[in-house]
């Protein structure tokens, strides 16, 4: 009897060899090479746009976080003033009110 080679006895080895030859033919095709190059270029562009979008989102998130913090500060300030108003029944005084309207009418309060 004739002895067969290992490639003939093992179908997976023969299949691997067949696939390797097919890949060599495909890789040698100029049109396929051009398409692969174009696909690589498109992938690079998409990744670049994705990085830019992630950066823009990060900046926007930071901006929104700052605005939220400012609003929280204003809310707590208003809440404190409301509690003071409820406790005292009057608004907190932040200095003497100006009476410029009297001087504009000629009533300086000296009379």
Protein backbone atom coordinates (compact mmCIF):
# COMPACT_ATOMS: atom_id res chain seq x y z
CA UNK A 1 0.00 0.00 0.00
CA UNK A 2 1.03 3.52 -0.59
CA UNK A 3 1.60 5.79 2.31
CA UNK A 4 -0.14 9.12 2.16
CA UNK A 5 1.42 12.35 3.39
CA UNK A 6 0.26 13.97 6.62
CA UNK A 7 -1.58 16.64 4.64
CA UNK A 8 -3.58 14.06 2.80
CA UNK A 9 -4.46 12.17 6.00
CA UNK A 10 -5.41 15.24 8.03
CA UNK A 11 -8.21 17.27 6.41
CA UNK A 12 -7.58 20.33 8.59
CA UNK A 13 -3.99 20.64 7.30
CA UNK A 14 -5.23 20.41 3.72
CA UNK A 15 -7.95 22.96 4.47
CA UNK A 16 -5.42 25.37 6.02
CA UNK A 17 -3.20 25.08 2.94
CA UNK A 18 -6.18 25.71 0.67
CA UNK A 19 -7.19 28.81 2.69
CA UNK A 20 -3.62 30.12 2.63
CA UNK A 21 -3.51 29.88 -1.17
CA UNK A 22 -6.86 31.61 -1.50
CA UNK A 23 -5.70 34.42 0.81
CA UNK A 24 -2.53 34.85 -1.27
CA UNK A 25 -4.63 35.24 -4.42
CA UNK A 26 -6.94 37.74 -2.74
CA UNK A 27 -4.03 39.73 -1.29
CA UNK A 28 -2.44 39.93 -4.73
CA UNK A 29 -5.56 41.49 -6.27
CA UNK A 30 -5.00 45.24 -6.76
CA UNK A 31 -8.70 46.18 -6.48
CA UNK A 32 -9.03 44.37 -3.16
CA UNK A 33 -5.85 46.03 -1.90
CA UNK A 34 -7.27 49.45 -2.82
CA UNK A 35 -10.54 48.67 -1.03
CA UNK A 36 -8.68 47.52 2.06
CA UNK A 37 -6.64 50.73 2.05
CA UNK A 38 -9.84 52.75 1.73
CA UNK A 39 -11.43 50.83 4.60
CA UNK A 40 -8.36 51.53 6.79
CA UNK A 41 -8.60 55.24 5.91
CA UNK A 42 -12.32 55.32 6.74
CA UNK A 43 -11.66 53.57 10.05
CA UNK A 44 -9.02 56.17 10.89
CA UNK A 45 -11.41 59.02 10.05
CA UNK A 46 -14.20 57.52 12.15
CA UNK A 47 -11.87 57.05 15.12
CA UNK A 48 -10.68 60.66 14.79
CA UNK A 49 -14.25 61.95 14.67
CA UNK A 50 -15.14 59.80 17.66
CA UNK A 51 -12.25 61.24 19.69
CA UNK A 52 -13.35 64.77 18.75
CA UNK A 53 -16.94 64.03 19.75
CA UNK A 54 -15.81 62.54 23.06
CA UNK A 55 -13.77 65.66 23.77
CA UNK A 56 -16.70 67.95 22.94
CA UNK A 57 -18.99 65.90 25.19
CA UNK A 58 -16.47 66.08 28.00
CA UNK A 59 -16.26 69.87 27.73
CA UNK A 60 -20.06 70.16 27.62
CA UNK A 61 -20.40 67.89 30.67
CA UNK A 62 -17.95 70.07 32.60
CA UNK A 63 -19.85 73.21 31.57
CA UNK A 64 -23.15 71.69 32.70
CA UNK A 65 -21.60 70.60 35.99
CA UNK A 66 -20.42 74.16 36.67
CA UNK A 67 -23.86 75.56 35.84
CA UNK A 68 -25.52 72.99 38.10
CA UNK A 69 -23.19 73.93 40.93
CA UNK A 70 -24.03 77.61 40.49
CA UNK A 71 -27.74 76.82 40.49
CA UNK A 72 -27.36 74.70 43.62
CA UNK A 73 -25.55 77.60 45.33
CA UNK A 74 -28.32 80.02 44.34
CA UNK A 75 -30.97 77.56 45.50
CA UNK A 76 -29.35 77.14 48.91
CA UNK A 77 -28.97 80.92 49.23
CA UNK A 78 -32.64 81.44 48.38
CA UNK A 79 -33.65 78.69 50.78
CA UNK A 80 -31.67 80.37 53.58
CA UNK A 81 -33.34 83.72 52.84
CA UNK A 82 -36.77 82.06 52.78
CA UNK A 83 -36.16 80.44 56.16
CA UNK A 84 -34.98 83.76 57.58
CA UNK A 85 -38.06 85.48 56.19
CA UNK A 86 -40.34 82.85 57.72
CA UNK A 87 -38.57 83.15 61.09
CA UNK A 88 -38.49 86.95 61.31
CA UNK A 89 -41.41 87.89 59.09
CA UNK A 90 -39.30 90.40 57.18
CA UNK A 91 -36.73 90.35 54.47
CA UNK A 92 -33.09 90.55 55.56
CA UNK A 93 -31.70 94.07 55.32
CA UNK A 94 -28.62 94.44 53.20
CA UNK A 95 -27.86 98.02 54.11
CA UNK A 96 -29.92 101.19 54.24
CA UNK A 97 -32.28 101.77 51.34
CA UNK A 98 -31.36 104.81 49.31
CA UNK A 99 -33.82 107.63 49.10
CA UNK A 100 -32.71 109.13 45.82
CA UNK A 101 -36.32 109.61 44.79
CA UNK A 102 -36.72 112.30 47.48
CA UNK A 103 -33.76 114.29 46.23
CA UNK A 104 -35.06 114.05 42.66
CA UNK A 105 -38.35 115.51 43.81
CA UNK A 106 -36.56 118.19 45.79
CA UNK A 107 -37.47 116.62 49.14
CA UNK A 108 -34.14 115.95 50.83
CA UNK A 109 -35.78 115.10 54.13
CA UNK A 110 -34.26 118.26 55.68
CA UNK A 111 -37.58 120.05 55.85
